[in-house]
Amino acid sequence: MGKRLSLGLASLLALSLSACGGTKVTRMDSTEVKDLSGLWNDTDSRLVAEEMMRDCLGRPWYERAKSEGGKEPTVIVGSVRNESHEHIATDTFVEDLQRELINSGKVSFVASKNERGDVREERMDQDVNSSEETRKAHGKESGADFMLSGAIQTIEDREGGKQVMFYQTNLKLLNMKTNQIAWNGQKKIKKFISRSKLGF
């Protein structure tokens, strides 16, 4: 009897393991919204960047800067600090901001500090290895008129299996010549997360 019981339990365990084993992957459209954890994700990054840059470029500073300079203002994105309690890929968010600004066609865009370093290194290599006709001279870079920077912050409220996550993104556009704040933007996201007590 004991032997049969042991065999039955072993079979049941094997069936359970085979049911749990294996990985299933389903491809998704990159724009599809799928919140699993309730934490900051790629959808939040993209939507916040789209909304904030649309607001930024529609404000009075833009027409004033264009009128005073006689051309589209030149913008650079500085750092966006993660001041939240969770890991947020701020580099991805910065890329989303850059893409929105560039694709708007309303501003000229200057590469980041790291990207400029790569270009300068390439120019130094050209000084040695490229022909005079194709060599790019130093000291011809475009300087930025405005720099965008900011921070992402969070507030968490949790009780039992329920949680409210509050995200606030603050961005400022700084006039590089005068240090004046040309635009101050803010976007808030609030998520209610309910977790089942029956977890695996």
Protein backbone atom coordinates (compact mmCIF):
# COMPACT_ATOMS: atom_id res chain seq x y z
CA MET A 1 0.00 0.00 0.00
CA GLY A 2 2.81 2.36 0.99
CA LYS A 3 4.73 1.55 -2.17
CA ARG A 4 1.69 2.23 -4.37
CA LEU A 5 1.11 5.54 -2.57
CA SER A 6 4.73 6.56 -3.12
CA LEU A 7 4.48 5.71 -6.82
CA GLY A 8 1.26 7.70 -7.10
CA LEU A 9 2.82 10.74 -5.46
CA ALA A 10 5.88 10.47 -7.72
CA SER A 11 3.65 10.33 -10.81
CA LEU A 12 1.65 13.34 -9.62
CA LEU A 13 4.85 15.27 -8.99
CA ALA A 14 6.18 14.39 -12.45
CA LEU A 15 2.94 15.57 -14.07
CA SER A 16 3.06 18.83 -12.12
CA LEU A 17 6.65 19.47 -13.15
CA SER A 18 5.94 18.72 -16.80
CA ALA A 19 2.95 21.09 -16.72
CA CYS A 20 5.07 23.87 -15.21
CA GLY A 21 8.06 23.19 -17.44
CA GLY A 22 8.53 24.81 -20.81
CA THR A 23 8.45 28.41 -21.91
CA LYS A 24 5.85 29.96 -24.16
CA VAL A 25 6.67 33.18 -26.01
CA THR A 26 4.06 35.29 -27.77
CA ARG A 27 5.25 38.16 -29.91
CA MET A 28 3.54 41.52 -29.33
CA ASP A 29 3.31 44.75 -31.25
CA SER A 30 5.84 47.18 -29.75
CA THR A 31 3.08 49.77 -29.19
CA GLU A 32 0.72 47.34 -27.42
CA VAL A 33 0.04 48.28 -23.80
CA LYS A 34 0.68 45.42 -21.35
CA ASP A 35 1.03 46.31 -17.68
CA LEU A 36 2.18 43.28 -15.68
CA SER A 37 3.78 44.69 -12.52
CA GLY A 38 2.29 48.19 -12.51
CA LEU A 39 5.80 49.66 -12.49
CA TRP A 40 7.13 52.28 -14.95
CA ASN A 41 7.44 50.64 -18.37
CA ASP A 42 8.09 51.36 -22.06
CA THR A 43 4.52 52.59 -22.61
CA ASP A 44 4.85 55.14 -19.79
CA SER A 45 8.17 56.33 -21.23
CA ARG A 46 6.80 56.78 -24.73
CA LEU A 47 3.49 58.42 -23.77
CA VAL A 48 5.06 60.82 -21.26
CA ALA A 49 7.70 61.87 -23.83
CA GLU A 50 5.06 62.42 -26.53
CA GLU A 51 2.74 64.46 -24.32
CA MET A 52 5.43 66.57 -22.65
CA MET A 53 7.25 67.45 -25.89
CA ARG A 54 3.96 68.34 -27.57
CA ASP A 55 3.23 70.69 -24.67
CA CYS A 56 6.79 72.08 -24.70
CA LEU A 57 6.81 72.93 -28.41
CA GLY A 58 3.36 74.52 -28.22
CA ARG A 59 4.31 77.08 -25.56
CA PRO A 60 5.19 80.79 -26.11
CA TRP A 61 8.97 80.32 -25.67
CA TYR A 62 9.15 78.54 -29.05
CA GLU A 63 7.80 81.33 -31.27
CA ARG A 64 9.76 83.91 -29.29
CA ALA A 65 13.03 81.98 -29.70
CA LYS A 66 12.37 81.40 -33.39
CA SER A 67 11.63 85.09 -33.93
CA GLU A 68 14.69 86.30 -32.03
CA GLY A 69 17.09 83.82 -33.64
CA GLY A 70 15.61 83.94 -37.13
CA LYS A 71 15.57 80.13 -37.29
CA GLU A 72 14.45 77.07 -35.39
CA PRO A 73 16.00 76.97 -31.90
CA THR A 74 18.70 74.36 -31.26
CA VAL A 75 18.02 72.00 -28.35
CA ILE A 76 20.02 69.41 -26.44
CA VAL A 77 18.68 66.88 -23.91
CA GLY A 78 20.75 66.77 -20.74
CA SER A 79 20.25 64.31 -17.89
CA VAL A 80 16.94 63.02 -16.54
CA ARG A 81 17.53 61.84 -12.97
CA ASN A 82 15.80 58.81 -11.50
CA GLU A 83 14.67 60.01 -8.07
CA SER A 84 12.16 57.18 -7.68
CA HIS A 85 12.38 54.12 -5.44
CA GLU A 86 12.48 51.72 -8.42
CA HIS A 87 14.77 51.07 -11.36
CA ILE A 88 13.80 53.26 -14.33
CA ALA A 89 15.71 53.14 -17.61
CA THR A 90 16.17 56.91 -17.94
CA ASP A 91 18.40 56.43 -21.01
CA THR A 92 15.37 55.00 -22.84
CA PHE A 93 13.26 57.96 -21.71
CA VAL A 94 15.92 60.41 -22.94
CA GLU A 95 15.91 58.65 -26.33
CA ASP A 96 12.10 58.99 -26.45
CA LEU A 97 12.41 62.73 -25.72
CA GLN A 98 15.07 63.16 -28.40
CA ARG A 99 12.99 61.31 -30.99
CA GLU A 100 9.92 63.47 -30.29
CA LEU A 101 11.96 66.68 -30.60
CA ILE A 102 13.77 65.64 -33.78
CA ASN A 103 10.69 64.23 -35.51
CA SER A 104 8.65 67.33 -34.70
CA GLY A 105 10.70 69.24 -37.32
CA LYS A 106 10.40 72.32 -35.10
CA VAL A 107 13.88 72.37 -33.59
CA SER A 108 17.46 71.66 -34.57
CA PHE A 109 18.98 69.04 -32.33
CA VAL A 110 22.48 68.76 -30.88
CA ALA A 111 24.00 65.39 -29.97
CA SER A 112 24.57 64.48 -26.31
CA LYS A 113 27.93 64.81 -24.55
CA ASN A 114 28.80 61.15 -25.13
CA GLU A 115 27.77 61.29 -28.78
CA ARG A 116 29.78 64.48 -29.33
CA GLY A 117 32.81 62.73 -27.81
CA ASP A 118 32.53 59.97 -30.42
CA VAL A 119 32.23 62.52 -33.26
CA ARG A 120 35.23 64.49 -32.02
CA GLU A 121 37.27 61.30 -31.85
CA GLU A 122 36.26 60.52 -35.44
CA ARG A 123 37.33 64.03 -36.56
CA MET A 124 40.73 63.52 -34.93
CA ASP A 125 41.06 60.27 -36.86
CA GLN A 126 40.09 62.09 -40.07
CA ASP A 127 42.86 64.63 -39.46
CA VAL A 128 45.36 61.80 -39.84
CA ASN A 129 43.70 59.42 -42.28
CA SER A 130 41.22 61.30 -44.49
CA SER A 131 41.87 63.35 -47.60
CA GLU A 132 41.84 67.13 -47.35
CA GLU A 133 38.68 67.31 -49.49
CA THR A 134 36.63 65.05 -47.18
CA ARG A 135 38.16 65.94 -43.82
CA LYS A 136 35.79 67.69 -41.37
CA ALA A 137 37.36 70.63 -39.54
CA HIS A 138 37.24 71.14 -35.80
CA GLY A 139 35.44 74.11 -34.25
CA LYS A 140 32.42 74.02 -36.58
CA GLU A 141 29.90 72.45 -34.19
CA SER A 142 26.47 73.97 -33.54
CA GLY A 143 25.95 75.16 -30.00
CA ALA A 144 22.64 74.52 -28.27
CA ASP A 145 20.30 77.43 -27.48
CA PHE A 146 18.28 75.43 -24.94
CA MET A 147 18.89 72.38 -22.74
CA LEU A 148 16.15 70.03 -21.52
CA SER A 149 16.64 68.19 -18.23
CA GLY A 150 14.62 66.93 -15.29
CA ALA A 151 13.72 64.07 -12.97
CA ILE A 152 11.25 61.23 -12.41
CA GLN A 153 9.87 60.81 -8.89
CA THR A 154 7.50 58.31 -7.26
CA ILE A 155 5.21 57.99 -4.27
CA GLU A 156 4.05 54.51 -3.23
CA ASP A 157 0.98 53.76 -1.09
CA ARG A 158 0.54 50.09 -0.18
CA GLU A 159 -1.86 48.17 2.02
CA GLY A 160 -2.14 44.38 1.90
CA GLY A 161 -2.50 43.27 -1.71
CA LYS A 162 -3.44 46.75 -2.93
CA GLN A 163 -1.02 49.43 -4.09
CA VAL A 164 -1.19 52.88 -5.64
CA MET A 165 1.85 54.00 -7.62
CA PHE A 166 2.21 57.71 -8.37
CA TYR A 167 4.80 58.88 -10.91
CA GLN A 168 5.68 62.53 -11.49
CA THR A 169 7.97 63.61 -14.32
CA ASN A 170 9.34 67.15 -14.10
CA LEU A 171 11.18 68.67 -17.07
CA LYS A 172 12.68 72.13 -17.55
CA LEU A 173 13.97 73.86 -20.66
CA LEU A 174 16.87 76.15 -19.80
CA ASN A 175 18.07 79.04 -21.95
CA MET A 176 21.80 78.34 -22.36
CA LYS A 177 22.69 82.02 -22.75
CA THR A 178 20.69 83.56 -19.90
CA ASN A 179 20.05 80.56 -17.58
CA GLN A 180 16.37 81.49 -17.65
CA ILE A 181 13.79 78.70 -17.51
CA ALA A 182 11.93 78.93 -20.81
CA TRP A 183 9.49 76.08 -20.12
CA ASN A 184 8.54 74.03 -17.06
CA GLY A 185 6.55 70.86 -17.71
CA GLN A 186 5.04 68.21 -15.47
CA LYS A 187 3.30 64.92 -16.17
CA LYS A 188 1.63 62.73 -13.53
CA ILE A 189 0.69 59.05 -13.78
CA LYS A 190 -1.32 57.19 -11.14
CA LYS A 191 -1.77 53.39 -11.15
CA PHE A 192 -3.91 51.21 -8.91
CA ILE A 193 -2.50 47.70 -8.56
CA SER A 194 -4.41 44.82 -6.99
CA ARG A 195 -2.59 41.53 -6.35
CA SER A 196 -4.18 38.20 -5.55
CA LYS A 197 -3.13 36.63 -2.26
CA LEU A 198 -2.94 33.27 -4.03
CA GLY A 199 0.50 33.68 -5.61
CA PHE A 200 2.91 31.06 -6.87
